Amino acid sequence: MTEHAPTIFAVARADLDGAPGLAVRGEVDVAAVPALEQALDAAIRDSVGAFVLDLCDVEFLDSSGLRVLLHARALLARGERGLAIVCPPGNVRRLLEMVGVADLLFLYDSREDVAASLVRAG
């Protein structure tokens, strides 16, 4: 049996078809939340239109990470902006469904699905 070392948390700019966005990888837990909050707040503040958050490479999301997602959704909604979350079937998607927030979010299986649904601003 081989042990799987967790992927180190990272967040990076990941625009998609003209829409601003971030890609997150690794484990989103209480230790990672401050960096994620800071990156999301700055990226949202410095952008316009729909925002894409790519969680394809997130291996674990705890309740503090979930709170950050809901905060980003609320922040964008105040500006009448949408939040598209790339979250393929797996552990993170199951969590969102189990806690009952999946219906509050625009979840997509892939970046291609998000790109196909984006409405161009202007």
PDB file of N, CA and C in Angstrom:
ATOM      1  N   MET A   1       0.832  -1.171   0.000  1.00  0.00           N
ATOM      2  CA  MET A   1       0.000   0.000   0.000  1.00  0.00           C
ATOM      3  C   MET A   1       0.884   1.244   0.000  1.00  0.00           C
ATOM      4  N   THR A   2       0.611   2.145  -0.936  1.00  0.00           N
ATOM      5  CA  THR A   2       1.390   3.374  -0.994  1.00  0.00           C
ATOM      6  C   THR A   2       0.614   4.491  -0.331  1.00  0.00           C
ATOM      7  N   GLU A   3       1.339   5.312   0.389  1.00  0.00           N
ATOM      8  CA  GLU A   3       0.702   6.447   1.034  1.00  0.00           C
ATOM      9  C   GLU A   3       0.689   7.618   0.079  1.00  0.00           C
ATOM     10  N   HIS A   4      -0.418   8.340   0.079  1.00  0.00           N
ATOM     11  CA  HIS A   4      -0.577   9.505  -0.770  1.00  0.00           C
ATOM     12  C   HIS A   4      -0.282  10.745   0.061  1.00  0.00           C
ATOM     13  N   ALA A   5       0.753  11.468  -0.325  1.00  0.00           N
ATOM     14  CA  ALA A   5       1.059  12.720   0.367  1.00  0.00           C
ATOM     15  C   ALA A   5       0.111  13.797  -0.140  1.00  0.00           C
ATOM     16  N   PRO A   6      -0.483  14.569   0.763  1.00  0.00           N
ATOM     17  CA  PRO A   6      -1.403  15.607   0.317  1.00  0.00           C
ATOM     18  C   PRO A   6      -0.683  16.647  -0.544  1.00  0.00           C
ATOM     19  N   THR A   7      -1.395  17.155  -1.526  1.00  0.00           N
ATOM     20  CA  THR A   7      -0.863  18.210  -2.369  1.00  0.00           C
ATOM     21  C   THR A   7      -0.809  19.492  -1.552  1.00  0.00           C
ATOM     22  N   ILE A   8       0.263  20.215  -1.692  1.00  0.00           N
ATOM     23  CA  ILE A   8       0.428  21.465  -0.968  1.00  0.00           C
ATOM     24  C   ILE A   8      -0.601  22.474  -1.478  1.00  0.00           C
ATOM     25  N   PHE A   9      -1.220  23.186  -0.555  1.00  0.00           N
ATOM     26  CA  PHE A   9      -2.211  24.197  -0.904  1.00  0.00           C
ATOM     27  C   PHE A   9      -1.568  25.279  -1.763  1.00  0.00           C
ATOM     28  N   ALA A  10      -2.278  25.688  -2.785  1.00  0.00           N
ATOM     29  CA  ALA A  10      -1.842  26.806  -3.625  1.00  0.00           C
ATOM     30  C   ALA A  10      -3.063  27.422  -4.279  1.00  0.00           C
ATOM     31  N   VAL A  11      -2.959  28.704  -4.560  1.00  0.00           N
ATOM     32  CA  VAL A  11      -4.014  29.406  -5.280  1.00  0.00           C
ATOM     33  C   VAL A  11      -3.332  30.287  -6.322  1.00  0.00           C
ATOM     34  N   ALA A  12      -3.854  30.272  -7.543  1.00  0.00           N
ATOM     35  CA  ALA A  12      -3.233  31.012  -8.638  1.00  0.00           C
ATOM     36  C   ALA A  12      -4.300  31.604  -9.544  1.00  0.00           C
ATOM     37  N   ARG A  13      -3.940  32.664 -10.205  1.00  0.00           N
ATOM     38  CA  ARG A  13      -4.831  33.295 -11.184  1.00  0.00           C
ATOM     39  C   ARG A  13      -5.120  32.294 -12.287  1.00  0.00           C
ATOM     40  N   ALA A  14      -6.381  32.179 -12.684  1.00  0.00           N
ATOM     41  CA  ALA A  14      -6.769  31.226 -13.724  1.00  0.00           C
ATOM     42  C   ALA A  14      -7.992  31.757 -14.469  1.00  0.00           C
ATOM     43  N   ASP A  15      -7.781  32.833 -15.231  1.00  0.00           N
ATOM     44  CA  ASP A  15      -8.879  33.399 -16.007  1.00  0.00           C
ATOM     45  C   ASP A  15      -9.353  32.375 -17.030  1.00  0.00           C
ATOM     46  N   LEU A  16     -10.603  32.526 -17.440  1.00  0.00           N
ATOM     47  CA  LEU A  16     -11.185  31.574 -18.384  1.00  0.00           C
ATOM     48  C   LEU A  16     -12.022  32.326 -19.404  1.00  0.00           C
ATOM     49  N   ASP A  17     -11.597  32.284 -20.643  1.00  0.00           N
ATOM     50  CA  ASP A  17     -12.347  32.925 -21.735  1.00  0.00           C
ATOM     51  C   ASP A  17     -12.746  34.359 -21.412  1.00  0.00           C
ATOM     52  N   GLY A  18     -11.825  35.116 -20.861  1.00  0.00           N
ATOM     53  CA  GLY A  18     -12.098  36.508 -20.543  1.00  0.00           C
ATOM     54  C   GLY A  18     -12.717  36.741 -19.175  1.00  0.00           C
ATOM     55  N   ALA A  19     -13.159  35.681 -18.510  1.00  0.00           N
ATOM     56  CA  ALA A  19     -13.722  35.820 -17.160  1.00  0.00           C
ATOM     57  C   ALA A  19     -12.592  35.671 -16.145  1.00  0.00           C
ATOM     58  N   PRO A  20     -12.558  36.548 -15.148  1.00  0.00           N
ATOM     59  CA  PRO A  20     -11.525  36.428 -14.116  1.00  0.00           C
ATOM     60  C   PRO A  20     -11.746  35.174 -13.286  1.00  0.00           C
ATOM     61  N   GLY A  21     -10.651  34.646 -12.762  1.00  0.00           N
ATOM     62  CA  GLY A  21     -10.807  33.466 -11.934  1.00  0.00           C
ATOM     63  C   GLY A  21      -9.553  33.083 -11.190  1.00  0.00           C
ATOM     64  N   LEU A  22      -9.740  32.124 -10.303  1.00  0.00           N
ATOM     65  CA  LEU A  22      -8.647  31.544  -9.528  1.00  0.00           C
ATOM     66  C   LEU A  22      -8.755  30.033  -9.581  1.00  0.00           C
ATOM     67  N   ALA A  23      -7.613  29.374  -9.537  1.00  0.00           N
ATOM     68  CA  ALA A  23      -7.564  27.920  -9.412  1.00  0.00           C
ATOM     69  C   ALA A  23      -6.944  27.601  -8.057  1.00  0.00           C
ATOM     70  N   VAL A  24      -7.556  26.660  -7.359  1.00  0.00           N
ATOM     71  CA  VAL A  24      -7.104  26.268  -6.025  1.00  0.00           C
ATOM     72  C   VAL A  24      -6.702  24.802  -6.084  1.00  0.00           C
ATOM     73  N   ARG A  25      -5.648  24.456  -5.349  1.00  0.00           N
ATOM     74  CA  ARG A  25      -5.262  23.043  -5.285  1.00  0.00           C
ATOM     75  C   ARG A  25      -4.831  22.694  -3.874  1.00  0.00           C
ATOM     76  N   GLY A  26      -4.908  21.403  -3.595  1.00  0.00           N
ATOM     77  CA  GLY A  26      -4.474  20.912  -2.296  1.00  0.00           C
ATOM     78  C   GLY A  26      -5.611  20.822  -1.307  1.00  0.00           C
ATOM     79  N   GLU A  27      -5.281  21.021  -0.048  1.00  0.00           N
ATOM     80  CA  GLU A  27      -6.257  20.922   1.030  1.00  0.00           C
ATOM     81  C   GLU A  27      -6.655  22.315   1.501  1.00  0.00           C
ATOM     82  N   VAL A  28      -7.957  22.577   1.471  1.00  0.00           N
ATOM     83  CA  VAL A  28      -8.474  23.860   1.938  1.00  0.00           C
ATOM     84  C   VAL A  28      -9.041  23.635   3.334  1.00  0.00           C
ATOM     85  N   ASP A  29      -8.210  23.972   4.311  1.00  0.00           N
ATOM     86  CA  ASP A  29      -8.587  23.806   5.709  1.00  0.00           C
ATOM     87  C   ASP A  29      -8.329  25.109   6.447  1.00  0.00           C
ATOM     88  N   VAL A  30      -8.482  25.078   7.738  1.00  0.00           N
ATOM     89  CA  VAL A  30      -8.349  26.296   8.538  1.00  0.00           C
ATOM     90  C   VAL A  30      -6.986  26.969   8.341  1.00  0.00           C
ATOM     91  N   ALA A  31      -5.948  26.214   8.075  1.00  0.00           N
ATOM     92  CA  ALA A  31      -4.622  26.801   7.864  1.00  0.00           C
ATOM     93  C   ALA A  31      -4.530  27.510   6.516  1.00  0.00           C
ATOM     94  N   ALA A  32      -5.254  27.037   5.521  1.00  0.00           N
ATOM     95  CA  ALA A  32      -5.192  27.612   4.174  1.00  0.00           C
ATOM     96  C   ALA A  32      -6.171  28.759   3.962  1.00  0.00           C
ATOM     97  N   VAL A  33      -7.195  28.839   4.786  1.00  0.00           N
ATOM     98  CA  VAL A  33      -8.271  29.814   4.580  1.00  0.00           C
ATOM     99  C   VAL A  33      -7.796  31.267   4.503  1.00  0.00           C
ATOM    100  N   PRO A  34      -6.909  31.745   5.373  1.00  0.00           N
ATOM    101  CA  PRO A  34      -6.503  33.150   5.252  1.00  0.00           C
ATOM    102  C   PRO A  34      -5.908  33.488   3.882  1.00  0.00           C
ATOM    103  N   ALA A  35      -5.083  32.617   3.345  1.00  0.00           N
ATOM    104  CA  ALA A  35      -4.493  32.866   2.021  1.00  0.00           C
ATOM    105  C   ALA A  35      -5.559  32.823   0.932  1.00  0.00           C
ATOM    106  N   LEU A  36      -6.502  31.895   1.040  1.00  0.00           N
ATOM    107  CA  LEU A  36      -7.574  31.806   0.052  1.00  0.00           C
ATOM    108  C   LEU A  36      -8.475  33.033   0.124  1.00  0.00           C
ATOM    109  N   GLU A  37      -8.836  33.448   1.340  1.00  0.00           N
ATOM    110  CA  GLU A  37      -9.670  34.643   1.499  1.00  0.00           C
ATOM    111  C   GLU A  37      -8.999  35.874   0.897  1.00  0.00           C
ATOM    112  N   GLN A  38      -7.736  36.043   1.190  1.00  0.00           N
ATOM    113  CA  GLN A  38      -7.000  37.200   0.680  1.00  0.00           C
ATOM    114  C   GLN A  38      -6.949  37.177  -0.850  1.00  0.00           C
ATOM    115  N   ALA A  39      -6.640  36.032  -1.434  1.00  0.00           N
ATOM    116  CA  ALA A  39      -6.556  35.925  -2.886  1.00  0.00           C
ATOM    117  C   ALA A  39      -7.915  36.165  -3.542  1.00  0.00           C
ATOM    118  N   LEU A  40      -8.960  35.569  -2.977  1.00  0.00           N
ATOM    119  CA  LEU A  40     -10.308  35.743  -3.538  1.00  0.00           C
ATOM    120  C   LEU A  40     -10.772  37.191  -3.423  1.00  0.00           C
ATOM    121  N   ASP A  41     -10.614  37.795  -2.258  1.00  0.00           N
ATOM    122  CA  ASP A  41     -11.052  39.175  -2.074  1.00  0.00           C
ATOM    123  C   ASP A  41     -10.345  40.106  -3.060  1.00  0.00           C
ATOM    124  N   ALA A  42      -9.039  39.948  -3.221  1.00  0.00           N
ATOM    125  CA  ALA A  42      -8.283  40.801  -4.141  1.00  0.00           C
ATOM    126  C   ALA A  42      -8.706  40.561  -5.590  1.00  0.00           C
ATOM    127  N   ALA A  43      -8.853  39.307  -5.976  1.00  0.00           N
ATOM    128  CA  ALA A  43      -9.225  38.994  -7.355  1.00  0.00           C
ATOM    129  C   ALA A  43     -10.628  39.485  -7.684  1.00  0.00           C
ATOM    130  N   ILE A  44     -11.544  39.358  -6.739  1.00  0.00           N
ATOM    131  CA  ILE A  44     -12.915  39.837  -6.957  1.00  0.00           C
ATOM    132  C   ILE A  44     -12.929  41.364  -7.024  1.00  0.00           C
ATOM    133  N   ARG A  45     -12.232  42.002  -6.118  1.00  0.00           N
ATOM    134  CA  ARG A  45     -12.189  43.460  -6.074  1.00  0.00           C
ATOM    135  C   ARG A  45     -11.600  44.052  -7.361  1.00  0.00           C
ATOM    136  N   ASP A  46     -10.597  43.384  -7.931  1.00  0.00           N
ATOM    137  CA  ASP A  46      -9.890  43.901  -9.099  1.00  0.00           C
ATOM    138  C   ASP A  46     -10.444  43.384 -10.419  1.00  0.00           C
ATOM    139  N   SER A  47     -11.702  42.924 -10.436  1.00  0.00           N
ATOM    140  CA  SER A  47     -12.260  42.360 -11.660  1.00  0.00           C
ATOM    141  C   SER A  47     -13.717  42.764 -11.826  1.00  0.00           C
ATOM    142  N   VAL A  48     -14.260  42.445 -12.975  1.00  0.00           N
ATOM    143  CA  VAL A  48     -15.671  42.697 -13.263  1.00  0.00           C
ATOM    144  C   VAL A  48     -16.272  41.452 -13.885  1.00  0.00           C
ATOM    145  N   GLY A  49     -17.584  41.361 -13.847  1.00  0.00           N
ATOM    146  CA  GLY A  49     -18.295  40.255 -14.493  1.00  0.00           C
ATOM    147  C   GLY A  49     -18.255  38.978 -13.676  1.00  0.00           C
ATOM    148  N   ALA A  50     -18.693  37.915 -14.329  1.00  0.00           N
ATOM    149  CA  ALA A  50     -18.723  36.598 -13.689  1.00  0.00           C
ATOM    150  C   ALA A  50     -17.322  36.205 -13.254  1.00  0.00           C
ATOM    151  N   PHE A  51     -17.239  35.429 -12.173  1.00  0.00           N
ATOM    152  CA  PHE A  51     -15.957  35.001 -11.618  1.00  0.00           C
ATOM    153  C   PHE A  51     -15.932  33.476 -11.582  1.00  0.00           C
ATOM    154  N   VAL A  52     -14.794  32.900 -11.952  1.00  0.00           N
ATOM    155  CA  VAL A  52     -14.650  31.445 -12.012  1.00  0.00           C
ATOM    156  C   VAL A  52     -13.694  30.985 -10.918  1.00  0.00           C
ATOM    157  N   LEU A  53     -14.144  30.030 -10.133  1.00  0.00           N
ATOM    158  CA  LEU A  53     -13.302  29.428  -9.100  1.00  0.00           C
ATOM    159  C   LEU A  53     -13.131  27.957  -9.439  1.00  0.00           C
ATOM    160  N   ASP A  54     -11.917  27.570  -9.751  1.00  0.00           N
ATOM    161  CA  ASP A  54     -11.608  26.205 -10.179  1.00  0.00           C
ATOM    162  C   ASP A  54     -11.142  25.384  -8.979  1.00  0.00           C
ATOM    163  N   LEU A  55     -11.962  24.400  -8.592  1.00  0.00           N
ATOM    164  CA  LEU A  55     -11.640  23.520  -7.467  1.00  0.00           C
ATOM    165  C   LEU A  55     -11.274  22.115  -7.920  1.00  0.00           C
ATOM    166  N   CYS A  56     -10.952  21.933  -9.193  1.00  0.00           N
ATOM    167  CA  CYS A  56     -10.648  20.600  -9.739  1.00  0.00           C
ATOM    168  C   CYS A  56      -9.543  19.884  -8.969  1.00  0.00           C
ATOM    169  N   ASP A  57      -8.563  20.635  -8.497  1.00  0.00           N
ATOM    170  CA  ASP A  57      -7.415  20.024  -7.828  1.00  0.00           C
ATOM    171  C   ASP A  57      -7.456  20.166  -6.311  1.00  0.00           C
ATOM    172  N   VAL A  58      -8.652  20.455  -5.780  1.00  0.00           N
ATOM    173  CA  VAL A  58      -8.809  20.512  -4.323  1.00  0.00           C
ATOM    174  C   VAL A  58      -9.106  19.097  -3.840  1.00  0.00           C
ATOM    175  N   GLU A  59      -8.290  18.621  -2.927  1.00  0.00           N
ATOM    176  CA  GLU A  59      -8.422  17.258  -2.416  1.00  0.00           C
ATOM    177  C   GLU A  59      -9.297  17.182  -1.167  1.00  0.00           C
ATOM    178  N   PHE A  60      -9.379  18.297  -0.454  1.00  0.00           N
ATOM    179  CA  PHE A  60     -10.117  18.322   0.809  1.00  0.00           C
ATOM    180  C   PHE A  60     -10.616  19.740   1.045  1.00  0.00           C
ATOM    181  N   LEU A  61     -11.850  19.850   1.506  1.00  0.00           N
ATOM    182  CA  LEU A  61     -12.439  21.145   1.835  1.00  0.00           C
ATOM    183  C   LEU A  61     -13.156  20.988   3.168  1.00  0.00           C
ATOM    184  N   ASP A  62     -12.749  21.787   4.160  1.00  0.00           N
ATOM    185  CA  ASP A  62     -13.436  21.689   5.451  1.00  0.00           C
ATOM    186  C   ASP A  62     -14.460  22.806   5.574  1.00  0.00           C
ATOM    187  N   SER A  63     -15.097  22.905   6.735  1.00  0.00           N
ATOM    188  CA  SER A  63     -16.164  23.892   6.917  1.00  0.00           C
ATOM    189  C   SER A  63     -15.662  25.326   6.787  1.00  0.00           C
ATOM    190  N   SER A  64     -14.423  25.577   7.172  1.00  0.00           N
ATOM    191  CA  SER A  64     -13.895  26.940   7.032  1.00  0.00           C
ATOM    192  C   SER A  64     -13.708  27.285   5.556  1.00  0.00           C
ATOM    193  N   GLY A  65     -13.319  26.309   4.754  1.00  0.00           N
ATOM    194  CA  GLY A  65     -13.209  26.523   3.308  1.00  0.00           C
ATOM    195  C   GLY A  65     -14.570  26.729   2.670  1.00  0.00           C
ATOM    196  N   LEU A  66     -15.547  25.992   3.137  1.00  0.00           N
ATOM    197  CA  LEU A  66     -16.914  26.148   2.657  1.00  0.00           C
ATOM    198  C   LEU A  66     -17.423  27.561   2.964  1.00  0.00           C
ATOM    199  N   ARG A  67     -17.118  28.052   4.136  1.00  0.00           N
ATOM    200  CA  ARG A  67     -17.517  29.413   4.514  1.00  0.00           C
ATOM    201  C   ARG A  67     -16.920  30.439   3.550  1.00  0.00           C
ATOM    202  N   VAL A  68     -15.671  30.243   3.126  1.00  0.00           N
ATOM    203  CA  VAL A  68     -15.024  31.159   2.182  1.00  0.00           C
ATOM    204  C   VAL A  68     -15.766  31.148   0.842  1.00  0.00           C
ATOM    205  N   LEU A  69     -16.175  29.974   0.374  1.00  0.00           N
ATOM    206  CA  LEU A  69     -16.923  29.887  -0.883  1.00  0.00           C
ATOM    207  C   LEU A  69     -18.233  30.657  -0.789  1.00  0.00           C
ATOM    208  N   LEU A  70     -18.936  30.478   0.304  1.00  0.00           N
ATOM    209  CA  LEU A  70     -20.217  31.162   0.472  1.00  0.00           C
ATOM    210  C   LEU A  70     -20.029  32.671   0.627  1.00  0.00           C
ATOM    211  N   HIS A  71     -18.945  33.079   1.265  1.00  0.00           N
ATOM    212  CA  HIS A  71     -18.638  34.505   1.387  1.00  0.00           C
ATOM    213  C   HIS A  71     -18.352  35.105   0.004  1.00  0.00           C
ATOM    214  N   ALA A  72     -17.583  34.400  -0.807  1.00  0.00           N
ATOM    215  CA  ALA A  72     -17.278  34.880  -2.169  1.00  0.00           C
ATOM    216  C   ALA A  72     -18.558  35.001  -2.977  1.00  0.00           C
ATOM    217  N   ARG A  73     -19.437  34.022  -2.846  1.00  0.00           N
ATOM    218  CA  ARG A  73     -20.719  34.062  -3.553  1.00  0.00           C
ATOM    219  C   ARG A  73     -21.513  35.295  -3.141  1.00  0.00           C
ATOM    220  N   ALA A  74     -21.575  35.570  -1.844  1.00  0.00           N
ATOM    221  CA  ALA A  74     -22.323  36.726  -1.340  1.00  0.00           C
ATOM    222  C   ALA A  74     -21.695  38.047  -1.800  1.00  0.00           C
ATOM    223  N   LEU A  75     -20.374  38.114  -1.749  1.00  0.00           N
ATOM    224  CA  LEU A  75     -19.664  39.319  -2.173  1.00  0.00           C
ATOM    225  C   LEU A  75     -19.940  39.618  -3.648  1.00  0.00           C
ATOM    226  N   LEU A  76     -19.870  38.603  -4.477  1.00  0.00           N
ATOM    227  CA  LEU A  76     -20.148  38.780  -5.904  1.00  0.00           C
ATOM    228  C   LEU A  76     -21.611  39.132  -6.153  1.00  0.00           C
ATOM    229  N   ALA A  77     -22.510  38.521  -5.409  1.00  0.00           N
ATOM    230  CA  ALA A  77     -23.944  38.780  -5.590  1.00  0.00           C
ATOM    231  C   ALA A  77     -24.285  40.232  -5.292  1.00  0.00           C
ATOM    232  N   ARG A  78     -23.592  40.833  -4.327  1.00  0.00           N
ATOM    233  CA  ARG A  78     -23.841  42.247  -4.014  1.00  0.00           C
ATOM    234  C   ARG A  78     -23.582  43.133  -5.222  1.00  0.00           C
ATOM    235  N   GLY A  79     -22.646  42.730  -6.061  1.00  0.00           N
ATOM    236  CA  GLY A  79     -22.338  43.469  -7.281  1.00  0.00           C
ATOM    237  C   GLY A  79     -23.059  42.910  -8.493  1.00  0.00           C
ATOM    238  N   GLU A  80     -24.067  42.076  -8.250  1.00  0.00           N
ATOM    239  CA  GLU A  80     -24.827  41.415  -9.313  1.00  0.00           C
ATOM    240  C   GLU A  80     -23.918  40.649 -10.270  1.00  0.00           C
ATOM    241  N   ARG A  81     -22.967  39.943  -9.680  1.00  0.00           N
ATOM    242  CA  ARG A  81     -22.013  39.123 -10.430  1.00  0.00           C
ATOM    243  C   ARG A  81     -22.221  37.666 -10.042  1.00  0.00           C
ATOM    244  N   GLY A  82     -21.938  36.780 -10.969  1.00  0.00           N
ATOM    245  CA  GLY A  82     -22.080  35.361 -10.706  1.00  0.00           C
ATOM    246  C   GLY A  82     -20.768  34.712 -10.315  1.00  0.00           C
ATOM    247  N   LEU A  83     -20.875  33.590  -9.616  1.00  0.00           N
ATOM    248  CA  LEU A  83     -19.717  32.772  -9.260  1.00  0.00           C
ATOM    249  C   LEU A  83     -19.912  31.398  -9.866  1.00  0.00           C
ATOM    250  N   ALA A  84     -19.052  31.052 -10.805  1.00  0.00           N
ATOM    251  CA  ALA A  84     -19.072  29.724 -11.420  1.00  0.00           C
ATOM    252  C   ALA A  84     -17.970  28.905 -10.761  1.00  0.00           C
ATOM    253  N   ILE A  85     -18.336  27.738 -10.236  1.00  0.00           N
ATOM    254  CA  ILE A  85     -17.365  26.891  -9.544  1.00  0.00           C
ATOM    255  C   ILE A  85     -17.154  25.617 -10.344  1.00  0.00           C
ATOM    256  N   VAL A  86     -15.908  25.387 -10.734  1.00  0.00           N
ATOM    257  CA  VAL A  86     -15.545  24.147 -11.411  1.00  0.00           C
ATOM    258  C   VAL A  86     -15.270  23.121 -10.322  1.00  0.00           C
ATOM    259  N   CYS A  87     -16.137  22.125 -10.243  1.00  0.00           N
ATOM    260  CA  CYS A  87     -16.049  21.143  -9.168  1.00  0.00           C
ATOM    261  C   CYS A  87     -16.565  19.803  -9.694  1.00  0.00           C
ATOM    262  N   PRO A  88     -15.676  18.997 -10.260  1.00  0.00           N
ATOM    263  CA  PRO A  88     -16.110  17.715 -10.809  1.00  0.00           C
ATOM    264  C   PRO A  88     -16.580  16.764  -9.712  1.00  0.00           C
ATOM    265  N   PRO A  89     -17.316  15.727 -10.088  1.00  0.00           N
ATOM    266  CA  PRO A  89     -17.735  14.735  -9.097  1.00  0.00           C
ATOM    267  C   PRO A  89     -16.539  14.229  -8.299  1.00  0.00           C
ATOM    268  N   GLY A  90     -16.734  14.087  -7.002  1.00  0.00           N
ATOM    269  CA  GLY A  90     -15.667  13.638  -6.109  1.00  0.00           C
ATOM    270  C   GLY A  90     -15.960  14.097  -4.697  1.00  0.00           C
ATOM    271  N   ASN A  91     -14.939  14.092  -3.862  1.00  0.00           N
ATOM    272  CA  ASN A  91     -15.106  14.405  -2.442  1.00  0.00           C
ATOM    273  C   ASN A  91     -15.660  15.799  -2.185  1.00  0.00           C
ATOM    274  N   VAL A  92     -15.125  16.802  -2.860  1.00  0.00           N
ATOM    275  CA  VAL A  92     -15.565  18.171  -2.612  1.00  0.00           C
ATOM    276  C   VAL A  92     -17.013  18.350  -3.068  1.00  0.00           C
ATOM    277  N   ARG A  93     -17.345  17.824  -4.231  1.00  0.00           N
ATOM    278  CA  ARG A  93     -18.718  17.933  -4.741  1.00  0.00           C
ATOM    279  C   ARG A  93     -19.693  17.236  -3.795  1.00  0.00           C
ATOM    280  N   ARG A  94     -19.299  16.063  -3.302  1.00  0.00           N
ATOM    281  CA  ARG A  94     -20.143  15.332  -2.349  1.00  0.00           C
ATOM    282  C   ARG A  94     -20.391  16.158  -1.092  1.00  0.00           C
ATOM    283  N   LEU A  95     -19.352  16.812  -0.590  1.00  0.00           N
ATOM    284  CA  LEU A  95     -19.506  17.655   0.594  1.00  0.00           C
ATOM    285  C   LEU A  95     -20.522  18.764   0.331  1.00  0.00           C
ATOM    286  N   LEU A  96     -20.390  19.447  -0.793  1.00  0.00           N
ATOM    287  CA  LEU A  96     -21.311  20.537  -1.117  1.00  0.00           C
ATOM    288  C   LEU A  96     -22.752  20.036  -1.206  1.00  0.00           C
ATOM    289  N   GLU A  97     -22.918  18.839  -1.735  1.00  0.00           N
ATOM    290  CA  GLU A  97     -24.257  18.249  -1.834  1.00  0.00           C
ATOM    291  C   GLU A  97     -24.779  17.822  -0.460  1.00  0.00           C
ATOM    292  N   MET A  98     -23.911  17.205   0.346  1.00  0.00           N
ATOM    293  CA  MET A  98     -24.325  16.706   1.659  1.00  0.00           C
ATOM    294  C   MET A  98     -24.763  17.817   2.601  1.00  0.00           C
ATOM    295  N   VAL A  99     -24.061  18.946   2.570  1.00  0.00           N
ATOM    296  CA  VAL A  99     -24.409  20.029   3.489  1.00  0.00           C
ATOM    297  C   VAL A  99     -25.521  20.924   2.933  1.00  0.00           C
ATOM    298  N   GLY A 100     -25.959  20.629   1.719  1.00  0.00           N
ATOM    299  CA  GLY A 100     -27.116  21.320   1.156  1.00  0.00           C
ATOM    300  C   GLY A 100     -26.845  22.650   0.491  1.00  0.00           C
ATOM    301  N   VAL A 101     -25.602  22.922   0.114  1.00  0.00           N
ATOM    302  CA  VAL A 101     -25.312  24.202  -0.543  1.00  0.00           C
ATOM    303  C   VAL A 101     -25.123  24.074  -2.051  1.00  0.00           C
ATOM    304  N   ALA A 102     -25.098  22.866  -2.568  1.00  0.00           N
ATOM    305  CA  ALA A 102     -24.887  22.680  -4.008  1.00  0.00           C
ATOM    306  C   ALA A 102     -25.931  23.425  -4.826  1.00  0.00           C
ATOM    307  N   ASP A 103     -27.162  23.473  -4.334  1.00  0.00           N
ATOM    308  CA  ASP A 103     -28.230  24.164  -5.060  1.00  0.00           C
ATOM    309  C   ASP A 103     -28.086  25.680  -5.021  1.00  0.00           C
ATOM    310  N   LEU A 104     -27.274  26.197  -4.112  1.00  0.00           N
ATOM    311  CA  LEU A 104     -27.048  27.639  -4.023  1.00  0.00           C
ATOM    312  C   LEU A 104     -25.920  28.104  -4.943  1.00  0.00           C
ATOM    313  N   LEU A 105     -25.166  27.152  -5.473  1.00  0.00           N
ATOM    314  CA  LEU A 105     -23.967  27.461  -6.259  1.00  0.00           C
ATOM    315  C   LEU A 105     -24.140  27.032  -7.711  1.00  0.00           C
ATOM    316  N   PHE A 106     -23.420  27.701  -8.595  1.00  0.00           N
ATOM    317  CA  PHE A 106     -23.365  27.277  -9.996  1.00  0.00           C
ATOM    318  C   PHE A 106     -22.153  26.360 -10.121  1.00  0.00           C
ATOM    319  N   LEU A 107     -22.407  25.046 -10.088  1.00  0.00           N
ATOM    320  CA  LEU A 107     -21.339  24.051 -10.155  1.00  0.00           C
ATOM    321  C   LEU A 107     -21.228  23.472 -11.564  1.00  0.00           C
ATOM    322  N   TYR A 108     -20.006  23.312 -12.014  1.00  0.00           N
ATOM    323  CA  TYR A 108     -19.727  22.763 -13.334  1.00  0.00           C
ATOM    324  C   TYR A 108     -18.707  21.644 -13.186  1.00  0.00           C
ATOM    325  N   ASP A 109     -18.817  20.644 -14.044  1.00  0.00           N
ATOM    326  CA  ASP A 109     -17.896  19.502 -13.998  1.00  0.00           C
ATOM    327  C   ASP A 109     -16.515  19.825 -14.549  1.00  0.00           C
ATOM    328  N   SER A 110     -16.421  20.807 -15.464  1.00  0.00           N
ATOM    329  CA  SER A 110     -15.133  21.094 -16.108  1.00  0.00           C
ATOM    330  C   SER A 110     -15.048  22.564 -16.503  1.00  0.00           C
ATOM    331  N   ARG A 111     -13.830  23.000 -16.792  1.00  0.00           N
ATOM    332  CA  ARG A 111     -13.613  24.375 -17.273  1.00  0.00           C
ATOM    333  C   ARG A 111     -14.308  24.571 -18.620  1.00  0.00           C
ATOM    334  N   GLU A 112     -14.366  23.528 -19.421  1.00  0.00           N
ATOM    335  CA  GLU A 112     -15.035  23.613 -20.721  1.00  0.00           C
ATOM    336  C   GLU A 112     -16.533  23.881 -20.543  1.00  0.00           C
ATOM    337  N   ASP A 113     -17.141  23.245 -19.536  1.00  0.00           N
ATOM    338  CA  ASP A 113     -18.554  23.478 -19.254  1.00  0.00           C
ATOM    339  C   ASP A 113     -18.801  24.933 -18.844  1.00  0.00           C
ATOM    340  N   VAL A 114     -17.897  25.475 -18.036  1.00  0.00           N
ATOM    341  CA  VAL A 114     -18.031  26.877 -17.624  1.00  0.00           C
ATOM    342  C   VAL A 114     -17.874  27.784 -18.838  1.00  0.00           C
ATOM    343  N   ALA A 115     -16.856  27.546 -19.642  1.00  0.00           N
ATOM    344  CA  ALA A 115     -16.604  28.375 -20.821  1.00  0.00           C
ATOM    345  C   ALA A 115     -17.826  28.399 -21.744  1.00  0.00           C
ATOM    346  N   ALA A 116     -18.473  27.271 -21.893  1.00  0.00           N
ATOM    347  CA  ALA A 116     -19.651  27.190 -22.765  1.00  0.00           C
ATOM    348  C   ALA A 116     -20.820  27.979 -22.207  1.00  0.00           C
ATOM    349  N   SER A 117     -20.854  28.207 -20.901  1.00  0.00           N
ATOM    350  CA  SER A 117     -21.999  28.882 -20.288  1.00  0.00           C
ATOM    351  C   SER A 117     -21.779  30.377 -20.048  1.00  0.00           C
ATOM    352  N   LEU A 118     -20.554  30.854 -20.230  1.00  0.00           N
ATOM    353  CA  LEU A 118     -20.265  32.255 -19.942  1.00  0.00           C
ATOM    354  C   LEU A 118     -20.973  33.188 -20.909  1.00  0.00           C
ATOM    355  N   VAL A 119     -21.547  34.228 -20.364  1.00  0.00           N
ATOM    356  CA  VAL A 119     -22.155  35.289 -21.156  1.00  0.00           C
ATOM    357  C   VAL A 119     -21.155  36.433 -21.171  1.00  0.00           C
ATOM    358  N   ARG A 120     -20.782  36.844 -22.329  1.00  0.00           N
ATOM    359  CA  ARG A 120     -19.779  37.909 -22.461  1.00  0.00           C
ATOM    360  C   ARG A 120     -20.344  39.244 -22.001  1.00  0.00           C
ATOM    361  N   ALA A 121     -19.573  39.953 -21.204  1.00  0.00           N
ATOM    362  CA  ALA A 121     -19.974  41.295 -20.750  1.00  0.00           C
ATOM    363  C   ALA A 121     -19.798  42.290 -21.883  1.00  0.00           C
ATOM    364  N   GLY A 122     -20.632  43.328 -21.866  1.00  0.00           N
ATOM    365  CA  GLY A 122     -20.464  44.425 -22.811  1.00  0.00           C
ATOM    366  C   GLY A 122     -21.236  44.211 -24.014  1.00  0.00           C
TER     367      GLY A 122
END
